[in-house]
N, C-alpha and C. Protein backbone atom coordinates (compact mmCIF):
# COMPACT_ATOMS: atom_id res chain seq x y z
N MET A 1 15.73 -5.92 -11.93
CA MET A 1 16.22 -5.81 -10.59
C MET A 1 17.74 -5.74 -10.66
N GLN A 2 18.34 -4.88 -9.86
CA GLN A 2 19.77 -4.70 -9.91
C GLN A 2 20.46 -5.45 -8.78
N THR A 3 21.70 -5.87 -9.04
CA THR A 3 22.50 -6.54 -8.03
C THR A 3 23.53 -5.55 -7.50
N ILE A 4 23.58 -5.41 -6.19
CA ILE A 4 24.50 -4.47 -5.57
C ILE A 4 25.50 -5.27 -4.75
N ILE A 5 26.79 -5.11 -5.06
CA ILE A 5 27.84 -5.80 -4.33
C ILE A 5 28.65 -4.74 -3.58
N CYS A 6 28.63 -4.84 -2.28
CA CYS A 6 29.40 -3.91 -1.45
C CYS A 6 29.57 -4.51 -0.07
N GLY A 7 30.05 -3.76 0.89
CA GLY A 7 30.30 -4.25 2.24
C GLY A 7 29.03 -4.67 2.95
N THR A 8 29.19 -5.22 4.14
CA THR A 8 28.05 -5.74 4.90
C THR A 8 27.03 -4.66 5.20
N ARG A 9 27.50 -3.51 5.64
CA ARG A 9 26.58 -2.43 5.98
C ARG A 9 25.88 -1.91 4.74
N GLY A 10 26.63 -1.74 3.66
CA GLY A 10 26.05 -1.25 2.42
C GLY A 10 25.09 -2.26 1.79
N MET A 11 25.35 -3.55 2.02
CA MET A 11 24.49 -4.58 1.44
C MET A 11 23.07 -4.47 2.01
N LYS A 12 22.97 -4.15 3.28
CA LYS A 12 21.64 -3.99 3.87
C LYS A 12 20.91 -2.85 3.19
N ASN A 13 21.59 -1.74 2.99
CA ASN A 13 20.96 -0.59 2.32
C ASN A 13 20.63 -0.91 0.87
N GLY A 14 21.54 -1.61 0.19
CA GLY A 14 21.29 -1.98 -1.19
C GLY A 14 20.11 -2.93 -1.31
N LEU A 15 20.01 -3.87 -0.38
CA LEU A 15 18.89 -4.81 -0.39
C LEU A 15 17.58 -4.08 -0.15
N ARG A 16 17.62 -3.08 0.74
CA ARG A 16 16.42 -2.28 0.99
C ARG A 16 15.97 -1.55 -0.26
N ILE A 17 16.93 -1.04 -1.03
CA ILE A 17 16.59 -0.32 -2.26
C ILE A 17 15.93 -1.26 -3.26
N VAL A 18 16.48 -2.44 -3.43
CA VAL A 18 15.92 -3.41 -4.37
C VAL A 18 14.52 -3.83 -3.93
N LEU A 19 14.36 -4.13 -2.64
CA LEU A 19 13.04 -4.53 -2.14
C LEU A 19 12.04 -3.39 -2.22
N SER A 20 12.51 -2.16 -2.00
CA SER A 20 11.64 -1.00 -2.10
C SER A 20 11.09 -0.85 -3.52
N GLU A 21 11.94 -1.05 -4.51
CA GLU A 21 11.49 -0.96 -5.90
C GLU A 21 10.49 -2.06 -6.22
N GLN A 22 10.74 -3.26 -5.70
CA GLN A 22 9.83 -4.37 -5.93
C GLN A 22 8.48 -4.11 -5.26
N ASN A 23 8.50 -3.60 -4.03
CA ASN A 23 7.25 -3.28 -3.33
C ASN A 23 6.47 -2.21 -4.06
N ARG A 24 7.17 -1.22 -4.60
CA ARG A 24 6.51 -0.14 -5.32
C ARG A 24 5.79 -0.68 -6.55
N SER A 25 6.44 -1.58 -7.28
CA SER A 25 5.80 -2.13 -8.49
C SER A 25 4.64 -3.05 -8.11
N ASN A 26 4.78 -3.83 -7.05
CA ASN A 26 3.68 -4.71 -6.62
C ASN A 26 2.48 -3.91 -6.14
N ARG A 27 2.72 -2.79 -5.46
CA ARG A 27 1.63 -1.96 -4.95
C ARG A 27 0.81 -1.39 -6.10
N LYS A 28 1.46 -1.07 -7.23
CA LYS A 28 0.75 -0.52 -8.39
C LYS A 28 -0.16 -1.57 -9.04
N GLU A 29 0.16 -2.85 -8.87
CA GLU A 29 -0.61 -3.92 -9.50
C GLU A 29 -1.82 -4.36 -8.68
N GLN A 30 -2.00 -3.83 -7.49
CA GLN A 30 -3.13 -4.25 -6.65
C GLN A 30 -4.44 -3.87 -7.30
N LYS A 31 -5.40 -4.80 -7.24
CA LYS A 31 -6.72 -4.54 -7.80
C LYS A 31 -7.71 -4.10 -6.73
N LEU A 32 -7.52 -4.56 -5.51
CA LEU A 32 -8.41 -4.20 -4.40
C LEU A 32 -7.60 -3.72 -3.20
N PRO A 33 -7.08 -2.48 -3.25
CA PRO A 33 -6.32 -2.01 -2.10
C PRO A 33 -7.21 -1.81 -0.88
N ASN A 34 -6.60 -1.85 0.27
CA ASN A 34 -7.30 -1.71 1.53
C ASN A 34 -7.68 -0.25 1.75
N CYS A 35 -8.92 0.00 2.19
CA CYS A 35 -9.39 1.37 2.41
C CYS A 35 -9.46 1.72 3.90
N SER A 36 -9.02 0.82 4.76
CA SER A 36 -9.14 1.09 6.20
C SER A 36 -7.92 1.80 6.76
N GLY A 37 -6.94 2.09 5.92
CA GLY A 37 -5.76 2.80 6.39
C GLY A 37 -4.93 1.95 7.33
N ARG A 38 -4.57 2.50 8.48
CA ARG A 38 -3.74 1.78 9.43
C ARG A 38 -4.57 1.03 10.47
N THR A 39 -5.88 1.02 10.30
CA THR A 39 -6.76 0.32 11.24
C THR A 39 -6.66 -1.18 11.02
N PRO A 40 -6.29 -1.95 12.05
CA PRO A 40 -6.17 -3.41 11.88
C PRO A 40 -7.54 -4.08 11.68
N ALA A 41 -7.51 -5.28 11.12
CA ALA A 41 -8.73 -6.02 10.84
C ALA A 41 -9.51 -6.31 12.13
N GLN A 42 -8.81 -6.54 13.23
CA GLN A 42 -9.49 -6.83 14.49
C GLN A 42 -10.33 -5.65 14.95
N VAL A 43 -9.82 -4.43 14.74
CA VAL A 43 -10.56 -3.23 15.14
C VAL A 43 -11.78 -3.05 14.23
N VAL A 44 -11.60 -3.29 12.94
CA VAL A 44 -12.72 -3.18 12.00
C VAL A 44 -13.80 -4.18 12.38
N ARG A 45 -13.41 -5.41 12.70
CA ARG A 45 -14.36 -6.45 13.11
C ARG A 45 -15.09 -6.05 14.38
N TYR A 46 -14.36 -5.47 15.34
CA TYR A 46 -14.97 -5.03 16.60
C TYR A 46 -16.00 -3.93 16.35
N LYS A 47 -15.67 -2.97 15.46
CA LYS A 47 -16.61 -1.88 15.16
C LYS A 47 -17.87 -2.42 14.48
N ILE A 48 -17.72 -3.40 13.60
CA ILE A 48 -18.89 -4.01 12.96
C ILE A 48 -19.76 -4.69 14.00
N ALA A 49 -19.12 -5.41 14.92
CA ALA A 49 -19.86 -6.10 15.98
C ALA A 49 -20.61 -5.11 16.86
N GLN A 50 -19.99 -3.98 17.16
CA GLN A 50 -20.65 -2.96 17.97
C GLN A 50 -21.88 -2.40 17.23
N ASP A 51 -21.74 -2.17 15.92
CA ASP A 51 -22.86 -1.65 15.13
C ASP A 51 -24.01 -2.64 15.06
N LEU A 52 -23.69 -3.94 14.96
CA LEU A 52 -24.72 -4.96 14.84
C LEU A 52 -25.24 -5.42 16.20
N GLY A 53 -24.52 -5.09 17.26
CA GLY A 53 -24.93 -5.50 18.60
C GLY A 53 -24.69 -6.97 18.88
N VAL A 54 -23.64 -7.54 18.29
CA VAL A 54 -23.31 -8.96 18.50
C VAL A 54 -21.87 -9.06 18.98
N ASP A 55 -21.46 -10.28 19.36
CA ASP A 55 -20.09 -10.53 19.76
C ASP A 55 -19.19 -10.51 18.51
N SER A 56 -17.95 -10.07 18.66
CA SER A 56 -17.06 -9.96 17.50
C SER A 56 -16.74 -11.32 16.88
N SER A 57 -16.90 -12.40 17.65
CA SER A 57 -16.64 -13.73 17.09
C SER A 57 -17.73 -14.15 16.10
N GLU A 58 -18.85 -13.46 16.11
CA GLU A 58 -19.96 -13.78 15.20
C GLU A 58 -19.85 -13.03 13.88
N VAL A 59 -18.92 -12.11 13.77
CA VAL A 59 -18.72 -11.36 12.52
C VAL A 59 -17.80 -12.17 11.62
N GLY A 60 -18.24 -12.48 10.41
CA GLY A 60 -17.49 -13.33 9.50
C GLY A 60 -16.42 -12.60 8.72
N ARG A 61 -15.61 -13.39 8.02
CA ARG A 61 -14.53 -12.82 7.20
C ARG A 61 -15.09 -11.95 6.09
N GLY A 62 -16.21 -12.34 5.53
CA GLY A 62 -16.80 -11.58 4.43
C GLY A 62 -17.19 -10.17 4.84
N HIS A 63 -17.82 -10.05 6.00
CA HIS A 63 -18.20 -8.72 6.50
C HIS A 63 -16.96 -7.86 6.72
N THR A 64 -15.93 -8.46 7.30
CA THR A 64 -14.70 -7.72 7.57
C THR A 64 -14.03 -7.30 6.27
N PHE A 65 -13.96 -8.21 5.29
CA PHE A 65 -13.34 -7.90 4.01
C PHE A 65 -14.06 -6.75 3.32
N LEU A 66 -15.39 -6.82 3.26
CA LEU A 66 -16.15 -5.76 2.60
C LEU A 66 -15.98 -4.42 3.31
N ALA A 67 -15.93 -4.45 4.64
CA ALA A 67 -15.75 -3.20 5.39
C ALA A 67 -14.37 -2.61 5.14
N MET A 68 -13.36 -3.46 5.00
CA MET A 68 -12.00 -2.97 4.80
C MET A 68 -11.75 -2.52 3.36
N HIS A 69 -12.59 -2.93 2.42
CA HIS A 69 -12.40 -2.58 1.02
C HIS A 69 -13.54 -1.70 0.49
N THR A 70 -14.17 -0.96 1.38
CA THR A 70 -15.23 -0.02 1.02
C THR A 70 -14.74 1.39 1.34
N HIS A 71 -14.94 2.31 0.43
CA HIS A 71 -14.51 3.69 0.62
C HIS A 71 -15.31 4.33 1.77
N PRO A 72 -14.78 5.38 2.37
CA PRO A 72 -15.51 6.05 3.46
C PRO A 72 -16.88 6.57 3.05
N ASN A 73 -17.10 6.84 1.75
CA ASN A 73 -18.41 7.30 1.30
C ASN A 73 -19.35 6.13 0.99
N LYS A 74 -18.98 4.92 1.48
CA LYS A 74 -19.80 3.69 1.40
C LYS A 74 -19.93 3.10 0.01
N THR A 75 -19.02 3.42 -0.91
CA THR A 75 -19.04 2.80 -2.23
C THR A 75 -17.96 1.73 -2.29
N LEU A 76 -18.28 0.58 -2.89
CA LEU A 76 -17.29 -0.48 -3.06
C LEU A 76 -16.33 -0.08 -4.15
N GLN A 77 -15.07 -0.42 -3.99
CA GLN A 77 -14.11 -0.13 -5.04
C GLN A 77 -14.02 -1.33 -5.98
N ASN A 78 -13.87 -1.05 -7.25
CA ASN A 78 -13.79 -2.09 -8.28
C ASN A 78 -14.94 -3.09 -8.15
N PHE A 79 -16.14 -2.59 -8.18
CA PHE A 79 -17.34 -3.40 -7.97
C PHE A 79 -17.41 -4.56 -8.96
N GLY A 80 -16.88 -4.39 -10.17
CA GLY A 80 -16.92 -5.43 -11.18
C GLY A 80 -16.21 -6.71 -10.75
N ILE A 81 -15.17 -6.58 -9.94
CA ILE A 81 -14.46 -7.76 -9.45
C ILE A 81 -15.35 -8.56 -8.52
N PHE A 82 -16.11 -7.87 -7.66
CA PHE A 82 -17.03 -8.56 -6.76
C PHE A 82 -18.13 -9.26 -7.54
N VAL A 83 -18.70 -8.57 -8.52
CA VAL A 83 -19.82 -9.11 -9.28
C VAL A 83 -19.39 -10.24 -10.20
N SER A 84 -18.18 -10.17 -10.76
CA SER A 84 -17.74 -11.19 -11.71
C SER A 84 -17.59 -12.56 -11.06
N GLY A 85 -17.36 -12.59 -9.74
CA GLY A 85 -17.21 -13.87 -9.06
C GLY A 85 -18.52 -14.49 -8.63
N ILE A 86 -19.63 -13.77 -8.79
CA ILE A 86 -20.94 -14.26 -8.35
C ILE A 86 -21.65 -14.93 -9.53
N LYS A 87 -22.13 -16.15 -9.32
CA LYS A 87 -22.88 -16.84 -10.36
C LYS A 87 -24.36 -16.81 -10.00
N PHE A 88 -25.18 -16.41 -10.95
CA PHE A 88 -26.62 -16.34 -10.72
C PHE A 88 -27.32 -17.56 -11.26
């Protein structure tokens, strides 16, 4: 990470550059990226509730998580991560 020393206005831009580089590297390390795009979790939960015919308060975190991390063609991404946490 680089240190940028300059005026007040430039410091904001320099800080943005440093944070942008950090965000870029963190994004590459994600194991389970979100597949819902810009759709918020509340909307995903509401759509699940509509499909099931129940109130959205009855839809759990697990259903929402799986819906947000499933590809549009209905395949789970990185299925091994899901299976490795399950004990039989």
